[in-house]
C-alpha atoms as a PDB file:
ATOM      1  CA  UNK A   1     -10.232  -5.595  23.703  1.00  0.00           C
ATOM      2  CA  UNK A   2      -8.363  -3.697  26.395  1.00  0.00           C
ATOM      3  CA  UNK A   3      -6.551  -0.397  26.152  1.00  0.00           C
ATOM      4  CA  UNK A   4      -4.579   1.547  28.703  1.00  0.00           C
ATOM      5  CA  UNK A   5      -5.112   2.337  31.501  1.00  0.00           C
ATOM      6  CA  UNK A   6      -5.456  -1.182  32.864  1.00  0.00           C
ATOM      7  CA  UNK A   7      -6.758  -1.757  36.390  1.00  0.00           C
ATOM      8  CA  UNK A   8      -3.335  -2.641  37.793  1.00  0.00           C
ATOM      9  CA  UNK A   9      -0.920   0.032  38.982  1.00  0.00           C
ATOM     10  CA  UNK A  10       2.292   0.588  37.048  1.00  0.00           C
ATOM     11  CA  UNK A  11       5.746  -0.373  38.306  1.00  0.00           C
ATOM     12  CA  UNK A  12       8.493   1.750  36.714  1.00  0.00           C
ATOM     13  CA  UNK A  13      12.161   0.717  36.667  1.00  0.00           C
ATOM     14  CA  UNK A  14      15.108   2.677  35.293  1.00  0.00           C
ATOM     15  CA  UNK A  15      17.302   0.141  33.483  1.00  0.00           C
ATOM     16  CA  UNK A  16      19.994   2.407  32.015  1.00  0.00           C
ATOM     17  CA  UNK A  17      20.781   6.114  32.326  1.00  0.00           C
ATOM     18  CA  UNK A  18      23.232   6.710  29.465  1.00  0.00           C
ATOM     19  CA  UNK A  19      25.250   8.429  28.172  1.00  0.00           C
ATOM     20  CA  UNK A  20      24.914   6.298  25.016  1.00  0.00           C
ATOM     21  CA  UNK A  21      21.558   4.689  25.834  1.00  0.00           C
ATOM     22  CA  UNK A  22      18.728   5.230  28.315  1.00  0.00           C
ATOM     23  CA  UNK A  23      16.049   2.617  29.075  1.00  0.00           C
ATOM     24  CA  UNK A  24      12.949   2.649  31.258  1.00  0.00           C
ATOM     25  CA  UNK A  25      10.691  -0.366  31.903  1.00  0.00           C
ATOM     26  CA  UNK A  26       7.010  -0.076  32.821  1.00  0.00           C
ATOM     27  CA  UNK A  27       5.098  -3.165  33.976  1.00  0.00           C
ATOM     28  CA  UNK A  28       1.450  -3.800  34.862  1.00  0.00           C
ATOM     29  CA  UNK A  29      -0.030  -7.090  36.079  1.00  0.00           C
ATOM     30  CA  UNK A  30      -3.718  -7.472  36.925  1.00  0.00           C
ATOM     31  CA  UNK A  31      -6.817  -9.504  36.257  1.00  0.00           C
ATOM     32  CA  UNK A  32      -6.789  -8.580  32.530  1.00  0.00           C
ATOM     33  CA  UNK A  33      -3.238  -9.798  31.992  1.00  0.00           C
ATOM     34  CA  UNK A  34       0.377  -8.750  32.204  1.00  0.00           C
ATOM     35  CA  UNK A  35       1.926  -5.912  30.183  1.00  0.00           C
ATOM     36  CA  UNK A  36       5.630  -5.098  30.019  1.00  0.00           C
ATOM     37  CA  UNK A  37       6.963  -2.097  28.051  1.00  0.00           C
ATOM     38  CA  UNK A  38      10.563  -0.932  27.588  1.00  0.00           C
ATOM     39  CA  UNK A  39      11.223   2.583  26.291  1.00  0.00           C
ATOM     40  CA  UNK A  40      14.696   3.119  24.796  1.00  0.00           C
ATOM     41  CA  UNK A  41      16.529   6.259  23.682  1.00  0.00           C
ATOM     42  CA  UNK A  42      19.852   6.064  21.805  1.00  0.00           C
ATOM     43  CA  UNK A  43      22.081   9.131  21.752  1.00  0.00           C
ATOM     44  CA  UNK A  44      22.519   8.982  17.955  1.00  0.00           C
ATOM     45  CA  UNK A  45      18.818   8.448  17.069  1.00  0.00           C
ATOM     46  CA  UNK A  46      15.844  10.778  16.639  1.00  0.00           C
ATOM     47  CA  UNK A  47      13.297   8.175  17.748  1.00  0.00           C
ATOM     48  CA  UNK A  48      11.916   6.685  20.957  1.00  0.00           C
ATOM     49  CA  UNK A  49      11.912   2.898  20.678  1.00  0.00           C
ATOM     50  CA  UNK A  50       8.978   1.021  22.227  1.00  0.00           C
ATOM     51  CA  UNK A  51       9.047  -2.722  22.920  1.00  0.00           C
ATOM     52  CA  UNK A  52       5.828  -4.151  24.388  1.00  0.00           C
ATOM     53  CA  UNK A  53       4.906  -7.687  25.444  1.00  0.00           C
ATOM     54  CA  UNK A  54       1.393  -8.686  26.476  1.00  0.00           C
ATOM     55  CA  UNK A  55       0.084 -11.855  28.121  1.00  0.00           C
ATOM     56  CA  UNK A  56      -3.698 -11.774  28.491  1.00  0.00           C
ATOM     57  CA  UNK A  57      -6.939 -13.378  27.396  1.00  0.00           C
ATOM     58  CA  UNK A  58      -7.944 -10.516  25.082  1.00  0.00           C
ATOM     59  CA  UNK A  59      -6.315  -8.100  22.630  1.00  0.00           C
ATOM     60  CA  UNK A  60      -4.557  -4.993  23.941  1.00  0.00           C
ATOM     61  CA  UNK A  61      -4.260  -1.573  22.298  1.00  0.00           C
ATOM     62  CA  UNK A  62      -1.688   1.036  23.316  1.00  0.00           C
ATOM     63  CA  UNK A  63      -3.064   4.582  23.094  1.00  0.00           C
ATOM     64  CA  UNK A  64      -0.715   7.392  22.013  1.00  0.00           C
ATOM     65  CA  UNK A  65      -2.699  10.642  22.472  1.00  0.00           C
ATOM     66  CA  UNK A  66      -1.742  13.735  20.453  1.00  0.00           C
ATOM     67  CA  UNK A  67      -3.145  17.208  19.794  1.00  0.00           C
ATOM     68  CA  UNK A  68      -3.538  16.450  16.063  1.00  0.00           C
ATOM     69  CA  UNK A  69      -7.291  15.792  16.144  1.00  0.00           C
ATOM     70  CA  UNK A  70      -7.949  17.102  12.639  1.00  0.00           C
ATOM     71  CA  UNK A  71      -4.844  15.644  11.058  1.00  0.00           C
ATOM     72  CA  UNK A  72      -4.894  13.018   8.349  1.00  0.00           C
ATOM     73  CA  UNK A  73      -3.261   9.619   8.794  1.00  0.00           C
ATOM     74  CA  UNK A  74      -0.849   8.391   6.142  1.00  0.00           C
ATOM     75  CA  UNK A  75       0.256   4.780   6.451  1.00  0.00           C
ATOM     76  CA  UNK A  76       2.592   2.554   4.482  1.00  0.00           C
ATOM     77  CA  UNK A  77       3.185  -1.145   4.045  1.00  0.00           C
ATOM     78  CA  UNK A  78       5.697  -2.876   1.826  1.00  0.00           C
ATOM     79  CA  UNK A  79       6.409  -0.268  -0.889  1.00  0.00           C
ATOM     80  CA  UNK A  80       2.962   1.371  -1.020  1.00  0.00           C
ATOM     81  CA  UNK A  81       1.545   4.194   1.094  1.00  0.00           C
ATOM     82  CA  UNK A  82      -2.038   5.396   1.408  1.00  0.00           C
ATOM     83  CA  UNK A  83      -4.133   8.073   3.104  1.00  0.00           C
ATOM     84  CA  UNK A  84      -6.736   7.365   5.817  1.00  0.00           C
ATOM     85  CA  UNK A  85      -9.118  10.013   7.123  1.00  0.00           C
ATOM     86  CA  UNK A  86      -9.636  10.126  10.897  1.00  0.00           C
ATOM     87  CA  UNK A  87     -12.632  11.588  12.674  1.00  0.00           C
ATOM     88  CA  UNK A  88     -11.881  14.566  14.909  1.00  0.00           C
ATOM     89  CA  UNK A  89     -14.859  13.792  17.176  1.00  0.00           C
ATOM     90  CA  UNK A  90     -14.636  11.353  20.074  1.00  0.00           C
ATOM     91  CA  UNK A  91     -18.394  10.732  19.631  1.00  0.00           C
ATOM     92  CA  UNK A  92     -18.060   9.193  16.176  1.00  0.00           C
ATOM     93  CA  UNK A  93     -17.211   5.484  15.729  1.00  0.00           C
ATOM     94  CA  UNK A  94     -13.548   4.605  15.448  1.00  0.00           C
ATOM     95  CA  UNK A  95     -12.415   3.557  11.980  1.00  0.00           C
ATOM     96  CA  UNK A  96     -11.287  -0.005  11.370  1.00  0.00           C
ATOM     97  CA  UNK A  97      -7.650  -0.770  12.097  1.00  0.00           C
ATOM     98  CA  UNK A  98      -5.167  -0.571   9.234  1.00  0.00           C
ATOM     99  CA  UNK A  99      -3.315  -3.864   8.958  1.00  0.00           C
ATOM    100  CA  UNK A 100       0.132  -4.813   7.632  1.00  0.00           C
ATOM    101  CA  UNK A 101       1.441  -1.320   8.422  1.00  0.00           C
ATOM    102  CA  UNK A 102       5.195  -0.644   8.507  1.00  0.00           C
ATOM    103  CA  UNK A 103       4.948   3.088   9.192  1.00  0.00           C
ATOM    104  CA  UNK A 104       2.349   5.756   9.919  1.00  0.00           C
ATOM    105  CA  UNK A 105       2.319   9.544  10.090  1.00  0.00           C
ATOM    106  CA  UNK A 106      -0.449  11.452  11.879  1.00  0.00           C
ATOM    107  CA  UNK A 107       0.339  14.999  10.760  1.00  0.00           C
ATOM    108  CA  UNK A 108      -1.220  18.374  10.092  1.00  0.00           C
ATOM    109  CA  UNK A 109      -0.889  20.244   6.805  1.00  0.00           C
ATOM    110  CA  UNK A 110       1.942  22.342   8.273  1.00  0.00           C
ATOM    111  CA  UNK A 111       3.945  19.167   8.831  1.00  0.00           C
ATOM    112  CA  UNK A 112       3.830  18.796  12.620  1.00  0.00           C
ATOM    113  CA  UNK A 113       2.825  15.330  13.703  1.00  0.00           C
ATOM    114  CA  UNK A 114       3.606  11.962  15.264  1.00  0.00           C
ATOM    115  CA  UNK A 115       5.336   9.264  13.220  1.00  0.00           C
ATOM    116  CA  UNK A 116       5.423   5.546  14.004  1.00  0.00           C
ATOM    117  CA  UNK A 117       7.877   3.146  12.341  1.00  0.00           C
ATOM    118  CA  UNK A 118       8.079  -0.635  12.704  1.00  0.00           C
ATOM    119  CA  UNK A 119      10.535  -3.233  11.506  1.00  0.00           C
ATOM    120  CA  UNK A 120       7.693  -5.779  11.297  1.00  0.00           C
ATOM    121  CA  UNK A 121       4.158  -5.080  10.118  1.00  0.00           C
ATOM    122  CA  UNK A 122       1.547  -4.241  12.757  1.00  0.00           C
ATOM    123  CA  UNK A 123      -2.061  -2.986  13.048  1.00  0.00           C
ATOM    124  CA  UNK A 124      -3.069   0.525  14.097  1.00  0.00           C
ATOM    125  CA  UNK A 125      -5.841   3.111  13.874  1.00  0.00           C
ATOM    126  CA  UNK A 126      -6.271   6.855  14.441  1.00  0.00           C
ATOM    127  CA  UNK A 127      -9.275   8.570  16.032  1.00  0.00           C
ATOM    128  CA  UNK A 128      -9.725  12.097  17.403  1.00  0.00           C
ATOM    129  CA  UNK A 129      -5.975  12.641  17.630  1.00  0.00           C
ATOM    130  CA  UNK A 130      -5.201   9.287  19.251  1.00  0.00           C
ATOM    131  CA  UNK A 131      -2.945   6.755  17.570  1.00  0.00           C
ATOM    132  CA  UNK A 132      -3.930   3.243  18.673  1.00  0.00           C
ATOM    133  CA  UNK A 133      -1.422   0.395  18.260  1.00  0.00           C
ATOM    134  CA  UNK A 134      -2.539  -3.211  18.599  1.00  0.00           C
ATOM    135  CA  UNK A 135      -0.126  -5.236  20.732  1.00  0.00           C
ATOM    136  CA  UNK A 136       0.391  -8.891  19.919  1.00  0.00           C
ATOM    137  CA  UNK A 137       2.353 -11.125  22.244  1.00  0.00           C
ATOM    138  CA  UNK A 138       5.432  -9.049  21.352  1.00  0.00           C
ATOM    139  CA  UNK A 139       5.368  -5.776  19.407  1.00  0.00           C
ATOM    140  CA  UNK A 140       8.171  -3.302  18.717  1.00  0.00           C
ATOM    141  CA  UNK A 141       8.165   0.077  16.998  1.00  0.00           C
ATOM    142  CA  UNK A 142       9.649   3.569  17.209  1.00  0.00           C
ATOM    143  CA  UNK A 143       8.006   6.975  17.686  1.00  0.00           C
ATOM    144  CA  UNK A 144       9.109  10.346  16.367  1.00  0.00           C
ATOM    145  CA  UNK A 145       7.586  13.795  16.929  1.00  0.00           C
ATOM    146  CA  UNK A 146       8.001  15.768  13.696  1.00  0.00           C
ATOM    147  CA  UNK A 147       8.056  19.499  14.476  1.00  0.00           C
ATOM    148  CA  UNK A 148       9.675  20.500  11.151  1.00  0.00           C
ATOM    149  CA  UNK A 149      12.466  22.170  13.094  1.00  0.00           C
ATOM    150  CA  UNK A 150      15.320  19.710  12.744  1.00  0.00           C
ATOM    151  CA  UNK A 151      16.734  17.124  10.353  1.00  0.00           C
ATOM    152  CA  UNK A 152      14.276  15.821   7.720  1.00  0.00           C
ATOM    153  CA  UNK A 153      12.701  12.556   8.854  1.00  0.00           C
ATOM    154  CA  UNK A 154      11.483   9.749   6.592  1.00  0.00           C
ATOM    155  CA  UNK A 155       9.145   7.232   8.302  1.00  0.00           C
ATOM    156  CA  UNK A 156       9.528   4.743   5.445  1.00  0.00           C
ATOM    157  CA  UNK A 157      13.331   4.798   5.540  1.00  0.00           C
ATOM    158  CA  UNK A 158      13.335   4.542   9.322  1.00  0.00           C
ATOM    159  CA  UNK A 159      11.024   1.496   9.180  1.00  0.00           C
ATOM    160  CA  UNK A 160      13.410  -0.086   6.679  1.00  0.00           C
ATOM    161  CA  UNK A 161      16.425   0.553   8.916  1.00  0.00           C
ATOM    162  CA  UNK A 162      14.579  -0.996  11.895  1.00  0.00           C
ATOM    163  CA  UNK A 163      13.942  -4.117   9.815  1.00  0.00           C
ATOM    164  CA  UNK A 164      17.631  -4.389   8.870  1.00  0.00           C
ATOM    165  CA  UNK A 165      19.701  -3.665  12.019  1.00  0.00           C
ATOM    166  CA  UNK A 166      22.992  -1.943  11.306  1.00  0.00           C
ATOM    167  CA  UNK A 167      21.860  -0.471   7.984  1.00  0.00           C
ATOM    168  CA  UNK A 168      20.327   2.997   8.023  1.00  0.00           C
ATOM    169  CA  UNK A 169      18.947   4.416   4.761  1.00  0.00           C
ATOM    170  CA  UNK A 170      19.198   8.159   5.316  1.00  0.00           C
ATOM    171  CA  UNK A 171      18.956  10.827   2.648  1.00  0.00           C
ATOM    172  CA  UNK A 172      22.669  10.520   1.852  1.00  0.00           C
ATOM    173  CA  UNK A 173      23.085   6.761   2.363  1.00  0.00           C
ATOM    174  CA  UNK A 174      25.755   5.063   0.262  1.00  0.00           C
ATOM    175  CA  UNK A 175      24.294   2.205  -1.745  1.00  0.00           C
ATOM    176  CA  UNK A 176      25.961  -1.142  -2.488  1.00  0.00           C
ATOM    177  CA  UNK A 177      28.214  -0.945  -5.525  1.00  0.00           C
ATOM    178  CA  UNK A 178      29.736   2.393  -4.432  1.00  0.00           C
ATOM    179  CA  UNK A 179      26.773   4.452  -5.618  1.00  0.00           C
ATOM    180  CA  UNK A 180      24.927   7.161  -3.726  1.00  0.00           C
ATOM    181  CA  UNK A 181      21.279   8.294  -3.770  1.00  0.00           C
ATOM    182  CA  UNK A 182      20.910  11.969  -2.838  1.00  0.00           C
ATOM    183  CA  UNK A 183      17.899  14.241  -2.594  1.00  0.00           C
ATOM    184  CA  UNK A 184      14.322  13.420  -1.631  1.00  0.00           C
ATOM    185  CA  UNK A 185      14.243  11.288   1.520  1.00  0.00           C
ATOM    186  CA  UNK A 186      10.686  10.152   0.712  1.00  0.00           C
ATOM    187  CA  UNK A 187      11.963   8.295  -2.371  1.00  0.00           C
ATOM    188  CA  UNK A 188      12.881   5.087  -0.563  1.00  0.00           C
ATOM    189  CA  UNK A 189      15.350   2.427  -1.824  1.00  0.00           C
ATOM    190  CA  UNK A 190      13.922  -1.016  -1.036  1.00  0.00           C
ATOM    191  CA  UNK A 191      16.488  -3.248  -2.675  1.00  0.00           C
ATOM    192  CA  UNK A 192      19.552  -3.140  -4.879  1.00  0.00           C
ATOM    193  CA  UNK A 193      21.120  -5.871  -7.006  1.00  0.00           C
ATOM    194  CA  UNK A 194      23.512  -6.342  -9.937  1.00  0.00           C
ATOM    195  CA  UNK A 195      21.756  -7.902 -12.963  1.00  0.00           C
ATOM    196  CA  UNK A 196      23.799  -9.414 -15.806  1.00  0.00           C
ATOM    197  CA  UNK A 197      25.114  -6.699 -18.099  1.00  0.00           C
ATOM    198  CA  UNK A 198      24.489  -3.888 -15.596  1.00  0.00           C
ATOM    199  CA  UNK A 199      26.516  -2.319 -12.805  1.00  0.00           C
ATOM    200  CA  UNK A 200      23.492  -2.048 -10.536  1.00  0.00           C
ATOM    201  CA  UNK A 201      19.720  -2.067 -10.132  1.00  0.00           C
ATOM    202  CA  UNK A 202      17.613  -0.164  -7.602  1.00  0.00           C
ATOM    203  CA  UNK A 203      13.945  -0.522  -6.660  1.00  0.00           C
ATOM    204  CA  UNK A 204      12.501   2.783  -5.420  1.00  0.00           C
ATOM    205  CA  UNK A 205       9.101   3.751  -4.004  1.00  0.00           C
ATOM    206  CA  UNK A 206       7.741   7.239  -3.321  1.00  0.00           C
ATOM    207  CA  UNK A 207       6.235   7.024   0.162  1.00  0.00           C
ATOM    208  CA  UNK A 208       4.512  10.325   1.003  1.00  0.00           C
ATOM    209  CA  UNK A 209       2.145  10.947  -1.903  1.00  0.00           C
ATOM    210  CA  UNK A 210       4.106  13.779  -3.545  1.00  0.00           C
ATOM    211  CA  UNK A 211       6.556  14.206  -6.407  1.00  0.00           C
ATOM    212  CA  UNK A 212      10.209  13.469  -5.726  1.00  0.00           C
ATOM    213  CA  UNK A 213      13.550  14.155  -7.386  1.00  0.00           C
ATOM    214  CA  UNK A 214      16.763  12.396  -6.426  1.00  0.00           C
ATOM    215  CA  UNK A 215      20.239  12.043  -7.893  1.00  0.00           C
ATOM    216  CA  UNK A 216      22.048   8.761  -8.488  1.00  0.00           C
ATOM    217  CA  UNK A 217      25.766   9.469  -8.374  1.00  0.00           C
ATOM    218  CA  UNK A 218      29.146   7.867  -7.824  1.00  0.00           C
ATOM    219  CA  UNK A 219      30.927   7.910  -4.500  1.00  0.00           C
ATOM    220  CA  UNK A 220      34.616   8.600  -4.419  1.00  0.00           C
ATOM    221  CA  UNK A 221      36.700   5.934  -6.143  1.00  0.00           C
ATOM    222  CA  UNK A 222      33.789   4.112  -7.829  1.00  0.00           C
ATOM    223  CA  UNK A 223      33.532   3.063 -11.497  1.00  0.00           C
ATOM    224  CA  UNK A 224      32.171   5.525 -14.074  1.00  0.00           C
ATOM    225  CA  UNK A 225      28.548   5.326 -15.212  1.00  0.00           C
ATOM    226  CA  UNK A 226      27.887   5.633 -18.939  1.00  0.00           C
ATOM    227  CA  UNK A 227      24.086   5.424 -18.801  1.00  0.00           C
ATOM    228  CA  UNK A 228      21.150   4.926 -16.450  1.00  0.00           C
ATOM    229  CA  UNK A 229      17.628   3.787 -17.372  1.00  0.00           C
ATOM    230  CA  UNK A 230      14.173   3.217 -15.998  1.00  0.00           C
ATOM    231  CA  UNK A 231      13.249  -0.407 -16.672  1.00  0.00           C
ATOM    232  CA  UNK A 232      10.104  -2.481 -16.279  1.00  0.00           C
ATOM    233  CA  UNK A 233       9.714  -5.589 -14.101  1.00  0.00           C
ATOM    234  CA  UNK A 234      11.154  -7.787 -16.854  1.00  0.00           C
ATOM    235  CA  UNK A 235      14.237  -5.585 -17.206  1.00  0.00           C
ATOM    236  CA  UNK A 236      13.221  -3.948 -20.504  1.00  0.00           C
ATOM    237  CA  UNK A 237      14.660  -0.434 -20.823  1.00  0.00           C
ATOM    238  CA  UNK A 238      11.962   2.265 -20.901  1.00  0.00           C
ATOM    239  CA  UNK A 239      13.464   5.763 -20.550  1.00  0.00           C
ATOM    240  CA  UNK A 240      17.031   7.007 -20.252  1.00  0.00           C
ATOM    241  CA  UNK A 241      17.673   9.099 -17.146  1.00  0.00           C
ATOM    242  CA  UNK A 242      19.037  12.611 -17.824  1.00  0.00           C
ATOM    243  CA  UNK A 243      22.528  13.409 -16.570  1.00  0.00           C
ATOM    244  CA  UNK A 244      23.051  16.120 -13.969  1.00  0.00           C
ATOM    245  CA  UNK A 245      24.386  19.497 -15.106  1.00  0.00           C
ATOM    246  CA  UNK A 246      27.741  18.663 -13.510  1.00  0.00           C
ATOM    247  CA  UNK A 247      27.877  15.297 -15.246  1.00  0.00           C
ATOM    248  CA  UNK A 248      28.474  13.443 -11.981  1.00  0.00           C
ATOM    249  CA  UNK A 249      25.171  11.574 -11.799  1.00  0.00           C
ATOM    250  CA  UNK A 250      21.676  11.036 -13.141  1.00  0.00           C
ATOM    251  CA  UNK A 251      18.372  12.656 -12.176  1.00  0.00           C
ATOM    252  CA  UNK A 252      15.483  10.450 -11.036  1.00  0.00           C
ATOM    253  CA  UNK A 253      11.992  11.963 -11.085  1.00  0.00           C
ATOM    254  CA  UNK A 254       9.141  10.060  -9.452  1.00  0.00           C
ATOM    255  CA  UNK A 255       5.429  10.777  -9.339  1.00  0.00           C
ATOM    256  CA  UNK A 256       3.380  10.546  -6.139  1.00  0.00           C
ATOM    257  CA  UNK A 257       3.163   6.930  -4.892  1.00  0.00           C
ATOM    258  CA  UNK A 258       5.213   5.685  -7.853  1.00  0.00           C
ATOM    259  CA  UNK A 259       7.220   2.447  -7.704  1.00  0.00           C
ATOM    260  CA  UNK A 260      10.085   2.328 -10.201  1.00  0.00           C
ATOM    261  CA  UNK A 261      13.186   0.329 -11.106  1.00  0.00           C
ATOM    262  CA  UNK A 262      16.427   1.992 -12.202  1.00  0.00           C
ATOM    263  CA  UNK A 263      19.445   0.297 -13.747  1.00  0.00           C
ATOM    264  CA  UNK A 264      22.876   1.735 -14.596  1.00  0.00           C
ATOM    265  CA  UNK A 265      26.122   0.710 -16.321  1.00  0.00           C
END
């Protein structure tokens, strides 16, 4: 398995300089193989997009070094998220790669860290502050440095938006059926549908291992909601959701790592 730096020198080309988009290409070709990376920044996005292609006889790992040597690694796949401890010492063996990962956050307790989000599942590992990403023939993902100073950032929602171009699930994203989910950005909507007898159904997953509260409410001009319920996988109603104090929506409380289904009519 190879990881940067490779033996070949890098050739850097500026592809675009803005103002809406900037792109830089970096290429290396040597005895190990040929690597081509394009870095892209969009004016309206918080992330740096990375698109890498590799043609070689062995696997390649891209190394993203950080200063977060003692930070924990939280990763997520489809719906579920889990915690992985990393060793802060370069002398200890590197932990096995986490597979089928859609997003990862290498962050300290104070919140500062490096987030990675991918539209398609990939494999990665963290060791002594380095985030290692395994590159297949073609691998794409986005990076975000979370300094807790700006707009709240949800790795899970960003990974979902990368998988569905043109649809961005932010903390105030309007849902199909003229409904809106407001509040905790780590309570992620994975699908919505309209079952028989209901105005809508929403599958939600808490992604960051902490409690979440969100509000399901109407957008302007939508139909009125009489009731909203938690339901099980078969559609059986479990618990009625309490209405907000203003009467314009319903409160959704989720436990850490919980996956839940909500229906309304």
